[in-house]
Amino acid sequence: MRFVFAALLLPLALLWGTAIAGLVLAMALALVLGAIAFGLGCRTAVALVDAIRRIRRTGPGARP
């Protein structure tokens, strides 16, 4: 009976290991993509603030 129980648990253990590896991979991918998105967001914000400062500095009706 123990062998039958062990034979039933072996595929479950393999799936559990695969699920943990998949979870770790998914978390690593999410961390990398989040860092990229954060960096792009910061660069976009800096460019937007720079553009607004240039517009405000030149004033209305001024040529660029």
PDB file of N, CA and C in Angstrom:
ATOM      1  N   MET A   1       0.824  -1.200   0.000  1.00  0.00           N
ATOM      2  CA  MET A   1       0.000   0.000   0.000  1.00  0.00           C
ATOM      3  C   MET A   1       0.869   1.265   0.000  1.00  0.00           C
ATOM      4  N   ARG A   2       1.994   1.188   0.695  1.00  0.00           N
ATOM      5  CA  ARG A   2       2.876   2.344   0.739  1.00  0.00           C
ATOM      6  C   ARG A   2       3.419   2.684  -0.643  1.00  0.00           C
ATOM      7  N   PHE A   3       3.706   1.632  -1.432  1.00  0.00           N
ATOM      8  CA  PHE A   3       4.243   1.872  -2.770  1.00  0.00           C
ATOM      9  C   PHE A   3       3.211   2.532  -3.671  1.00  0.00           C
ATOM     10  N   VAL A   4       1.957   2.154  -3.499  1.00  0.00           N
ATOM     11  CA  VAL A   4       0.892   2.772  -4.290  1.00  0.00           C
ATOM     12  C   VAL A   4       0.765   4.242  -3.905  1.00  0.00           C
ATOM     13  N   PHE A   5       0.824   4.516  -2.613  1.00  0.00           N
ATOM     14  CA  PHE A   5       0.731   5.893  -2.143  1.00  0.00           C
ATOM     15  C   PHE A   5       1.916   6.723  -2.647  1.00  0.00           C
ATOM     16  N   ALA A   6       3.108   6.128  -2.600  1.00  0.00           N
ATOM     17  CA  ALA A   6       4.294   6.828  -3.091  1.00  0.00           C
ATOM     18  C   ALA A   6       4.204   7.055  -4.596  1.00  0.00           C
ATOM     19  N   ALA A   7       3.678   6.088  -5.318  1.00  0.00           N
ATOM     20  CA  ALA A   7       3.536   6.229  -6.768  1.00  0.00           C
ATOM     21  C   ALA A   7       2.522   7.315  -7.108  1.00  0.00           C
ATOM     22  N   LEU A   8       1.534   7.498  -6.269  1.00  0.00           N
ATOM     23  CA  LEU A   8       0.559   8.558  -6.500  1.00  0.00           C
ATOM     24  C   LEU A   8       1.134   9.933  -6.146  1.00  0.00           C
ATOM     25  N   LEU A   9       2.013   9.981  -5.169  1.00  0.00           N
ATOM     26  CA  LEU A   9       2.574  11.257  -4.740  1.00  0.00           C
ATOM     27  C   LEU A   9       3.727  11.733  -5.615  1.00  0.00           C
ATOM     28  N   LEU A  10       4.387  10.821  -6.326  1.00  0.00           N
ATOM     29  CA  LEU A  10       5.536  11.212  -7.135  1.00  0.00           C
ATOM     30  C   LEU A  10       5.177  12.224  -8.219  1.00  0.00           C
ATOM     31  N   PRO A  11       4.125  12.009  -9.013  1.00  0.00           N
ATOM     32  CA  PRO A  11       3.782  13.044 -10.001  1.00  0.00           C
ATOM     33  C   PRO A  11       3.387  14.371  -9.351  1.00  0.00           C
ATOM     34  N   LEU A  12       2.753  14.293  -8.195  1.00  0.00           N
ATOM     35  CA  LEU A  12       2.381  15.510  -7.484  1.00  0.00           C
ATOM     36  C   LEU A  12       3.630  16.270  -7.033  1.00  0.00           C
ATOM     37  N   ALA A  13       4.636  15.552  -6.570  1.00  0.00           N
ATOM     38  CA  ALA A  13       5.884  16.194  -6.159  1.00  0.00           C
ATOM     39  C   ALA A  13       6.581  16.830  -7.355  1.00  0.00           C
ATOM     40  N   LEU A  14       6.569  16.160  -8.497  1.00  0.00           N
ATOM     41  CA  LEU A  14       7.184  16.728  -9.695  1.00  0.00           C
ATOM     42  C   LEU A  14       6.441  17.983 -10.141  1.00  0.00           C
ATOM     43  N   LEU A  15       5.120  17.934 -10.089  1.00  0.00           N
ATOM     44  CA  LEU A  15       4.338  19.111 -10.460  1.00  0.00           C
ATOM     45  C   LEU A  15       4.571  20.255  -9.479  1.00  0.00           C
ATOM     46  N   TRP A  16       4.698  19.920  -8.199  1.00  0.00           N
ATOM     47  CA  TRP A  16       4.938  20.939  -7.186  1.00  0.00           C
ATOM     48  C   TRP A  16       6.276  21.625  -7.429  1.00  0.00           C
ATOM     49  N   GLY A  17       7.305  20.846  -7.749  1.00  0.00           N
ATOM     50  CA  GLY A  17       8.612  21.422  -8.049  1.00  0.00           C
ATOM     51  C   GLY A  17       8.565  22.301  -9.285  1.00  0.00           C
ATOM     52  N   THR A  18       7.832  21.858 -10.295  1.00  0.00           N
ATOM     53  CA  THR A  18       7.691  22.649 -11.515  1.00  0.00           C
ATOM     54  C   THR A  18       6.927  23.939 -11.232  1.00  0.00           C
ATOM     55  N   ALA A  19       5.911  23.853 -10.386  1.00  0.00           N
ATOM     56  CA  ALA A  19       5.121  25.043 -10.051  1.00  0.00           C
ATOM     57  C   ALA A  19       5.974  26.060  -9.293  1.00  0.00           C
ATOM     58  N   ILE A  20       6.808  25.576  -8.384  1.00  0.00           N
ATOM     59  CA  ILE A  20       7.666  26.494  -7.628  1.00  0.00           C
ATOM     60  C   ILE A  20       8.674  27.154  -8.563  1.00  0.00           C
ATOM     61  N   ALA A  21       9.261  26.361  -9.471  1.00  0.00           N
ATOM     62  CA  ALA A  21      10.216  26.929 -10.425  1.00  0.00           C
ATOM     63  C   ALA A  21       9.527  27.947 -11.331  1.00  0.00           C
ATOM     64  N   GLY A  22       8.311  27.639 -11.757  1.00  0.00           N
ATOM     65  CA  GLY A  22       7.560  28.573 -12.593  1.00  0.00           C
ATOM     66  C   GLY A  22       7.223  29.846 -11.850  1.00  0.00           C
ATOM     67  N   LEU A  23       6.898  29.705 -10.578  1.00  0.00           N
ATOM     68  CA  LEU A  23       6.582  30.879  -9.763  1.00  0.00           C
ATOM     69  C   LEU A  23       7.813  31.770  -9.580  1.00  0.00           C
ATOM     70  N   VAL A  24       8.950  31.156  -9.331  1.00  0.00           N
ATOM     71  CA  VAL A  24      10.191  31.927  -9.182  1.00  0.00           C
ATOM     72  C   VAL A  24      10.528  32.633 -10.487  1.00  0.00           C
ATOM     73  N   LEU A  25      10.374  31.922 -11.598  1.00  0.00           N
ATOM     74  CA  LEU A  25      10.647  32.530 -12.900  1.00  0.00           C
ATOM     75  C   LEU A  25       9.687  33.685 -13.180  1.00  0.00           C
ATOM     76  N   ALA A  26       8.413  33.491 -12.857  1.00  0.00           N
ATOM     77  CA  ALA A  26       7.428  34.551 -13.079  1.00  0.00           C
ATOM     78  C   ALA A  26       7.722  35.773 -12.206  1.00  0.00           C
ATOM     79  N   MET A  27       8.136  35.546 -10.972  1.00  0.00           N
ATOM     80  CA  MET A  27       8.451  36.672 -10.093  1.00  0.00           C
ATOM     81  C   MET A  27       9.699  37.416 -10.573  1.00  0.00           C
ATOM     82  N   ALA A  28      10.693  36.674 -11.049  1.00  0.00           N
ATOM     83  CA  ALA A  28      11.898  37.323 -11.571  1.00  0.00           C
ATOM     84  C   ALA A  28      11.568  38.140 -12.814  1.00  0.00           C
ATOM     85  N   LEU A  29      10.734  37.581 -13.683  1.00  0.00           N
ATOM     86  CA  LEU A  29      10.339  38.301 -14.893  1.00  0.00           C
ATOM     87  C   LEU A  29       9.541  39.555 -14.541  1.00  0.00           C
ATOM     88  N   ALA A  30       8.647  39.442 -13.564  1.00  0.00           N
ATOM     89  CA  ALA A  30       7.865  40.603 -13.143  1.00  0.00           C
ATOM     90  C   ALA A  30       8.766  41.683 -12.541  1.00  0.00           C
ATOM     91  N   LEU A  31       9.782  41.274 -11.800  1.00  0.00           N
ATOM     92  CA  LEU A  31      10.711  42.243 -11.220  1.00  0.00           C
ATOM     93  C   LEU A  31      11.490  42.979 -12.305  1.00  0.00           C
ATOM     94  N   VAL A  32      11.971  42.238 -13.298  1.00  0.00           N
ATOM     95  CA  VAL A  32      12.732  42.865 -14.388  1.00  0.00           C
ATOM     96  C   VAL A  32      11.841  43.802 -15.193  1.00  0.00           C
ATOM     97  N   LEU A  33      10.643  43.337 -15.551  1.00  0.00           N
ATOM     98  CA  LEU A  33       9.737  44.181 -16.334  1.00  0.00           C
ATOM     99  C   LEU A  33       9.289  45.403 -15.538  1.00  0.00           C
ATOM    100  N   GLY A  34       9.092  45.239 -14.239  1.00  0.00           N
ATOM    101  CA  GLY A  34       8.736  46.373 -13.395  1.00  0.00           C
ATOM    102  C   GLY A  34       9.849  47.403 -13.321  1.00  0.00           C
ATOM    103  N   ALA A  35      11.084  46.937 -13.238  1.00  0.00           N
ATOM    104  CA  ALA A  35      12.219  47.868 -13.216  1.00  0.00           C
ATOM    105  C   ALA A  35      12.335  48.618 -14.538  1.00  0.00           C
ATOM    106  N   ILE A  36      12.112  47.915 -15.641  1.00  0.00           N
ATOM    107  CA  ILE A  36      12.160  48.574 -16.951  1.00  0.00           C
ATOM    108  C   ILE A  36      11.052  49.613 -17.057  1.00  0.00           C
ATOM    109  N   ALA A  37       9.847  49.241 -16.644  1.00  0.00           N
ATOM    110  CA  ALA A  37       8.721  50.178 -16.713  1.00  0.00           C
ATOM    111  C   ALA A  37       8.960  51.385 -15.807  1.00  0.00           C
ATOM    112  N   PHE A  38       9.524  51.157 -14.634  1.00  0.00           N
ATOM    113  CA  PHE A  38       9.822  52.263 -13.727  1.00  0.00           C
ATOM    114  C   PHE A  38      10.850  53.205 -14.345  1.00  0.00           C
ATOM    115  N   GLY A  39      11.877  52.644 -14.949  1.00  0.00           N
ATOM    116  CA  GLY A  39      12.895  53.468 -15.600  1.00  0.00           C
ATOM    117  C   GLY A  39      12.326  54.277 -16.747  1.00  0.00           C
ATOM    118  N   LEU A  40      11.473  53.645 -17.556  1.00  0.00           N
ATOM    119  CA  LEU A  40      10.848  54.372 -18.664  1.00  0.00           C
ATOM    120  C   LEU A  40       9.919  55.464 -18.151  1.00  0.00           C
ATOM    121  N   GLY A  41       9.208  55.176 -17.078  1.00  0.00           N
ATOM    122  CA  GLY A  41       8.322  56.181 -16.490  1.00  0.00           C
ATOM    123  C   GLY A  41       9.093  57.375 -15.958  1.00  0.00           C
ATOM    124  N   CYS A  42      10.232  57.110 -15.319  1.00  0.00           N
ATOM    125  CA  CYS A  42      11.059  58.212 -14.808  1.00  0.00           C
ATOM    126  C   CYS A  42      11.610  59.056 -15.948  1.00  0.00           C
ATOM    127  N   ARG A  43      12.062  58.397 -17.018  1.00  0.00           N
ATOM    128  CA  ARG A  43      12.604  59.156 -18.152  1.00  0.00           C
ATOM    129  C   ARG A  43      11.506  59.977 -18.817  1.00  0.00           C
ATOM    130  N   THR A  44      10.307  59.415 -18.906  1.00  0.00           N
ATOM    131  CA  THR A  44       9.195  60.150 -19.501  1.00  0.00           C
ATOM    132  C   THR A  44       8.836  61.362 -18.646  1.00  0.00           C
ATOM    133  N   ALA A  45       8.820  61.174 -17.334  1.00  0.00           N
ATOM    134  CA  ALA A  45       8.501  62.291 -16.439  1.00  0.00           C
ATOM    135  C   ALA A  45       9.549  63.396 -16.542  1.00  0.00           C
ATOM    136  N   VAL A  46      10.810  63.033 -16.617  1.00  0.00           N
ATOM    137  CA  VAL A  46      11.873  64.037 -16.741  1.00  0.00           C
ATOM    138  C   VAL A  46      11.735  64.793 -18.054  1.00  0.00           C
ATOM    139  N   ALA A  47      11.460  64.073 -19.138  1.00  0.00           N
ATOM    140  CA  ALA A  47      11.302  64.732 -20.440  1.00  0.00           C
ATOM    141  C   ALA A  47      10.094  65.663 -20.438  1.00  0.00           C
ATOM    142  N   LEU A  48       9.007  65.235 -19.788  1.00  0.00           N
ATOM    143  CA  LEU A  48       7.806  66.059 -19.732  1.00  0.00           C
ATOM    144  C   LEU A  48       8.050  67.330 -18.918  1.00  0.00           C
ATOM    145  N   VAL A  49       8.710  67.200 -17.784  1.00  0.00           N
ATOM    146  CA  VAL A  49       9.012  68.371 -16.958  1.00  0.00           C
ATOM    147  C   VAL A  49       9.945  69.312 -17.707  1.00  0.00           C
ATOM    148  N   ASP A  50      10.925  68.760 -18.412  1.00  0.00           N
ATOM    149  CA  ASP A  50      11.843  69.591 -19.193  1.00  0.00           C
ATOM    150  C   ASP A  50      11.096  70.352 -20.286  1.00  0.00           C
ATOM    151  N   ALA A  51      10.176  69.680 -20.967  1.00  0.00           N
ATOM    152  CA  ALA A  51       9.401  70.343 -22.022  1.00  0.00           C
ATOM    153  C   ALA A  51       8.524  71.451 -21.443  1.00  0.00           C
ATOM    154  N   ILE A  52       7.907  71.204 -20.297  1.00  0.00           N
ATOM    155  CA  ILE A  52       7.056  72.221 -19.669  1.00  0.00           C
ATOM    156  C   ILE A  52       7.894  73.424 -19.239  1.00  0.00           C
ATOM    157  N   ARG A  53       9.080  73.175 -18.691  1.00  0.00           N
ATOM    158  CA  ARG A  53       9.952  74.294 -18.289  1.00  0.00           C
ATOM    159  C   ARG A  53      10.382  75.123 -19.490  1.00  0.00           C
ATOM    160  N   ARG A  54      10.683  74.470 -20.596  1.00  0.00           N
ATOM    161  CA  ARG A  54      11.071  75.216 -21.801  1.00  0.00           C
ATOM    162  C   ARG A  54       9.915  76.061 -22.319  1.00  0.00           C
ATOM    163  N   ILE A  55       8.715  75.504 -22.296  1.00  0.00           N
ATOM    164  CA  ILE A  55       7.542  76.253 -22.765  1.00  0.00           C
ATOM    165  C   ILE A  55       7.295  77.455 -21.862  1.00  0.00           C
ATOM    166  N   ARG A  56       7.400  77.261 -20.557  1.00  0.00           N
ATOM    167  CA  ARG A  56       7.146  78.367 -19.628  1.00  0.00           C
ATOM    168  C   ARG A  56       8.239  79.423 -19.692  1.00  0.00           C
ATOM    169  N   ARG A  57       9.468  79.008 -19.979  1.00  0.00           N
ATOM    170  CA  ARG A  57      10.583  79.955 -20.029  1.00  0.00           C
ATOM    171  C   ARG A  57      10.503  80.843 -21.268  1.00  0.00           C
ATOM    172  N   THR A  58      10.084  80.260 -22.397  1.00  0.00           N
ATOM    173  CA  THR A  58      10.036  81.056 -23.623  1.00  0.00           C
ATOM    174  C   THR A  58       8.891  82.054 -23.602  1.00  0.00           C
ATOM    175  N   GLY A  59       7.791  81.701 -22.969  1.00  0.00           N
ATOM    176  CA  GLY A  59       6.662  82.620 -22.898  1.00  0.00           C
ATOM    177  C   GLY A  59       5.787  82.532 -24.138  1.00  0.00           C
ATOM    178  N   PRO A  60       4.621  83.157 -24.067  1.00  0.00           N
ATOM    179  CA  PRO A  60       3.698  83.085 -25.199  1.00  0.00           C
ATOM    180  C   PRO A  60       4.174  83.941 -26.373  1.00  0.00           C
ATOM    181  N   GLY A  61       4.001  83.430 -27.556  1.00  0.00           N
ATOM    182  CA  GLY A  61       4.326  84.177 -28.763  1.00  0.00           C
ATOM    183  C   GLY A  61       5.795  84.208 -29.112  1.00  0.00           C
ATOM    184  N   ALA A  62       6.650  83.575 -28.334  1.00  0.00           N
ATOM    185  CA  ALA A  62       8.085  83.582 -28.630  1.00  0.00           C
ATOM    186  C   ALA A  62       8.413  82.469 -29.615  1.00  0.00           C
ATOM    187  N   ARG A  63       9.400  82.739 -30.447  1.00  0.00           N
ATOM    188  CA  ARG A  63       9.828  81.713 -31.406  1.00  0.00           C
ATOM    189  C   ARG A  63      10.832  80.783 -30.727  1.00  0.00           C
ATOM    190  N   PRO A  64      10.744  79.512 -31.042  1.00  0.00           N
ATOM    191  CA  PRO A  64      11.680  78.560 -30.402  1.00  0.00           C
ATOM    192  C   PRO A  64      13.086  78.683 -30.929  1.00  0.00           C
TER     193      PRO A  64
END
